[in-house]
Amino acid sequence: MSGAKVSVTATYCGHTLRAETNVNPQGGWTGQCVVDGPAYKGAVILYTALRAPTAALDALLTAARRSIDQARDGA
């Protein structure tokens, strides 16, 4: 399964979130989410390998939404 990738594009509060996860040689899933929008632009990186691609994508999107909320709230 080495080299496998899974990606998703979502929107949140006027921001576009593009998350991609790939499997590492040990079988864990890591990745990044690029965010583009009015309050926050940047990337969120998942360094901790998770067991399933859906878990990795969920973690990335959750972290990206938190970053957007913090930027909107001025934190």
Protein backbone atom coordinates (compact mmCIF):
# COMPACT_ATOMS: atom_id res chain seq x y z
CA MET A 1 0.00 0.00 0.00
CA SER A 2 3.04 2.24 0.00
CA GLY A 3 2.54 5.40 -2.04
CA ALA A 4 -1.25 5.46 -1.59
CA LYS A 5 -2.85 8.91 -1.27
CA VAL A 6 -6.30 10.14 -0.36
CA SER A 7 -7.46 13.73 -0.70
CA VAL A 8 -10.54 15.83 -0.02
CA THR A 9 -11.60 19.42 -0.66
CA ALA A 10 -14.05 21.13 1.68
CA THR A 11 -15.24 24.61 2.55
CA TYR A 12 -15.63 26.20 5.97
CA CYS A 13 -16.72 29.78 6.71
CA GLY A 14 -15.71 30.99 3.26
CA HIS A 15 -12.37 29.14 3.30
CA THR A 16 -11.28 26.35 0.98
CA LEU A 17 -9.59 23.41 2.70
CA ARG A 18 -7.57 20.95 0.60
CA ALA A 19 -6.42 18.00 2.68
CA GLU A 20 -4.23 15.17 1.46
CA THR A 21 -2.95 12.18 3.36
CA ASN A 22 -0.51 9.50 2.30
CA VAL A 23 0.67 6.26 3.80
CA ASN A 24 4.23 6.07 5.13
CA PRO A 25 6.47 2.98 4.91
CA GLN A 26 5.32 1.87 8.38
CA GLY A 27 1.67 1.86 7.27
CA GLY A 28 0.60 5.04 9.08
CA TRP A 29 -1.21 7.95 7.47
CA THR A 30 0.13 11.53 7.68
CA GLY A 31 -0.48 14.59 5.54
CA GLN A 32 -1.31 18.25 5.27
CA CYS A 33 -4.22 20.59 4.72
CA VAL A 34 -3.80 23.82 2.77
CA VAL A 35 -6.26 26.55 3.76
CA ASP A 36 -7.12 29.56 1.60
CA GLY A 37 -9.60 32.18 2.72
CA PRO A 38 -10.23 35.67 4.02
CA ALA A 39 -9.26 35.11 7.68
CA TYR A 40 -6.59 32.42 7.39
CA LYS A 41 -4.17 31.27 4.73
CA GLY A 42 -1.66 28.59 5.50
CA ALA A 43 -1.07 24.90 6.00
CA VAL A 44 -1.80 22.47 8.78
CA ILE A 45 0.49 19.44 8.97
CA LEU A 46 -0.27 16.09 10.59
CA TYR A 47 2.98 14.61 11.87
CA THR A 48 1.48 11.86 14.02
CA ALA A 49 0.69 8.84 11.89
CA LEU A 50 -2.85 7.52 12.22
CA ARG A 51 -4.09 4.05 11.30
CA ALA A 52 -6.68 4.99 8.68
CA PRO A 53 -6.82 7.63 5.95
CA THR A 54 -10.26 8.80 7.10
CA ALA A 55 -8.93 9.42 10.62
CA ALA A 56 -6.01 11.40 9.20
CA LEU A 57 -8.26 13.50 6.96
CA ASP A 58 -10.66 14.14 9.86
CA ALA A 59 -7.77 15.26 12.09
CA LEU A 60 -6.44 17.57 9.37
CA LEU A 61 -9.82 19.16 8.68
CA THR A 62 -10.51 19.59 12.41
CA ALA A 63 -7.15 21.30 12.95
CA ALA A 64 -7.72 23.53 9.92
CA ARG A 65 -11.16 24.58 11.18
CA ARG A 66 -9.64 25.42 14.58
CA SER A 67 -6.98 27.56 12.89
CA ILE A 68 -9.67 29.43 10.97
CA ASP A 69 -11.74 29.97 14.11
CA GLN A 70 -8.72 31.27 16.02
CA ALA A 71 -7.84 33.66 13.19
CA ARG A 72 -11.45 34.92 13.01
CA ASP A 73 -11.61 35.40 16.80
CA GLY A 74 -8.29 37.24 16.82
CA ALA A 75 -6.60 34.68 19.06
